[in-house]
Amino acid sequence: MLLVCLIVGGCGGGGASKPKRVSGPAKQVASVIWRLQKATAAHDFATICRPLIRIQAVEIQDGRAAAGVQTTGVGQAPTTDVIRLVREKRGFRIVSLGR
C-alpha cells in the first residue's frame, strides 16, 4: 500500500513532490494520523475548514511514537505540532495532539 504522506483535507492542494513510501511502524503511525483526518472530515465543519496535515517526520522509540506535522487551514498560518502515539496490541493510538 502506498501511503500518501501529504494528507489533503479539502481546503488546499498537494505539493509537486511525490510522497515517499513508508513501511513498518512509521506506516502504522501515518495510518493513525490518516484515520484522524478522516474522522475530522466526518463531523460538521460548516463554519470552519478541515485542516491540511503534512507529516514531516516520524520518530519511534520503546513503543512510543512522535509524528511532527504541519497543519494549515484556509486563511490561517501554518502551525507545527507533534502528535504523540503509543503502541498497543492492535497498533498505534494517539495520546496527545499538542506540542
Protein backbone atom coordinates (compact mmCIF):
# COMPACT_ATOMS: atom_id res chain seq x y z
CA MET A 1 0.00 0.00 0.00
CA LEU A 2 1.36 3.37 -0.96
CA LEU A 3 0.95 5.84 1.87
CA VAL A 4 0.50 9.39 0.83
CA CYS A 5 2.40 11.48 3.33
CA LEU A 6 0.58 14.60 2.25
CA ILE A 7 -2.93 14.35 3.55
CA VAL A 8 -5.32 16.69 1.84
CA GLY A 9 -8.33 17.63 3.92
CA GLY A 10 -10.33 19.51 1.32
CA CYS A 11 -9.14 23.11 1.65
CA GLY A 12 -5.91 23.01 -0.30
CA GLY A 13 -3.91 21.04 -2.78
CA GLY A 14 -0.82 18.94 -2.63
CA GLY A 15 2.75 19.83 -3.45
CA ALA A 16 4.67 18.91 -6.57
CA SER A 17 6.91 16.29 -4.96
CA LYS A 18 5.99 12.62 -4.87
CA PRO A 19 5.28 11.09 -1.43
CA LYS A 20 7.87 8.69 -0.03
CA ARG A 21 6.93 5.07 0.59
CA VAL A 22 6.94 4.15 4.26
CA SER A 23 6.73 0.79 5.99
CA GLY A 24 6.70 -0.82 9.41
CA PRO A 25 5.95 1.30 12.47
CA ALA A 26 6.23 4.59 10.55
CA LYS A 27 3.48 3.36 8.22
CA GLN A 28 1.33 2.45 11.25
CA VAL A 29 1.82 5.93 12.73
CA ALA A 30 0.93 7.61 9.44
CA SER A 31 -2.15 5.37 9.18
CA VAL A 32 -3.38 6.53 12.60
CA ILE A 33 -2.96 10.17 11.56
CA TRP A 34 -4.80 9.45 8.31
CA ARG A 35 -7.69 8.00 10.34
CA LEU A 36 -7.67 11.18 12.45
CA GLN A 37 -8.00 13.19 9.25
CA LYS A 38 -10.92 11.07 8.05
CA ALA A 39 -12.64 11.28 11.47
CA THR A 40 -12.33 15.05 11.41
CA ALA A 41 -13.96 15.08 7.99
CA ALA A 42 -16.96 13.15 9.32
CA HIS A 43 -18.06 15.99 11.66
CA ASP A 44 -19.91 19.22 10.85
CA PHE A 45 -17.41 21.74 9.55
CA ALA A 46 -19.87 24.20 8.05
CA THR A 47 -18.19 27.15 9.69
CA ILE A 48 -14.57 26.04 9.64
CA CYS A 49 -12.28 24.36 7.17
CA ARG A 50 -10.78 20.93 7.62
CA PRO A 51 -7.03 21.13 8.08
CA LEU A 52 -4.32 20.13 5.67
CA ILE A 53 -1.93 17.92 7.64
CA ARG A 54 1.57 17.25 6.35
CA ILE A 55 3.64 14.62 8.10
CA GLN A 56 7.18 15.96 8.32
CA ALA A 57 8.90 13.36 10.50
CA VAL A 58 8.16 10.19 12.47
CA GLU A 59 10.25 9.02 15.42
CA ILE A 60 9.60 5.68 17.13
CA GLN A 61 11.22 4.50 20.35
CA ASP A 62 10.25 1.97 23.02
CA GLY A 63 6.63 1.55 21.92
CA ARG A 64 6.01 5.28 21.61
CA ALA A 65 5.97 7.45 18.52
CA ALA A 66 6.07 11.15 17.77
CA ALA A 67 4.95 12.50 14.40
CA GLY A 68 5.99 16.03 13.55
CA VAL A 69 3.21 17.61 11.49
CA GLN A 70 2.44 20.94 9.89
CA THR A 71 -1.23 21.89 9.84
CA THR A 72 -2.82 24.65 7.76
CA GLY A 73 -6.32 25.81 7.06
CA VAL A 74 -7.84 28.39 4.76
CA GLY A 75 -6.96 31.87 5.99
CA GLN A 76 -4.69 30.55 8.74
CA ALA A 77 -0.93 30.50 9.12
CA PRO A 78 0.70 27.06 9.25
CA THR A 79 1.39 25.62 12.67
CA THR A 80 3.90 22.93 13.57
CA ASP A 81 2.92 20.37 16.19
CA VAL A 82 3.79 16.91 17.43
CA ILE A 83 1.22 14.12 17.53
CA ARG A 84 2.23 11.55 20.15
CA LEU A 85 1.20 7.91 19.89
CA VAL A 86 1.61 4.75 21.92
CA ARG A 87 1.79 1.20 20.57
CA GLU A 88 -0.96 -1.14 21.75
CA LYS A 89 -1.88 -4.70 20.76
CA ARG A 90 -3.80 -3.57 17.67
CA GLY A 91 -1.36 -0.86 16.57
CA PHE A 92 -0.73 2.75 17.47
CA ARG A 93 -3.18 5.02 19.33
CA ILE A 94 -2.99 8.81 19.54
CA VAL A 95 -2.39 10.03 23.09
CA SER A 96 -1.64 13.71 22.50
CA LEU A 97 -2.31 16.22 19.75
CA GLY A 98 -0.21 19.07 21.17
CA ARG A 99 3.38 20.14 21.29
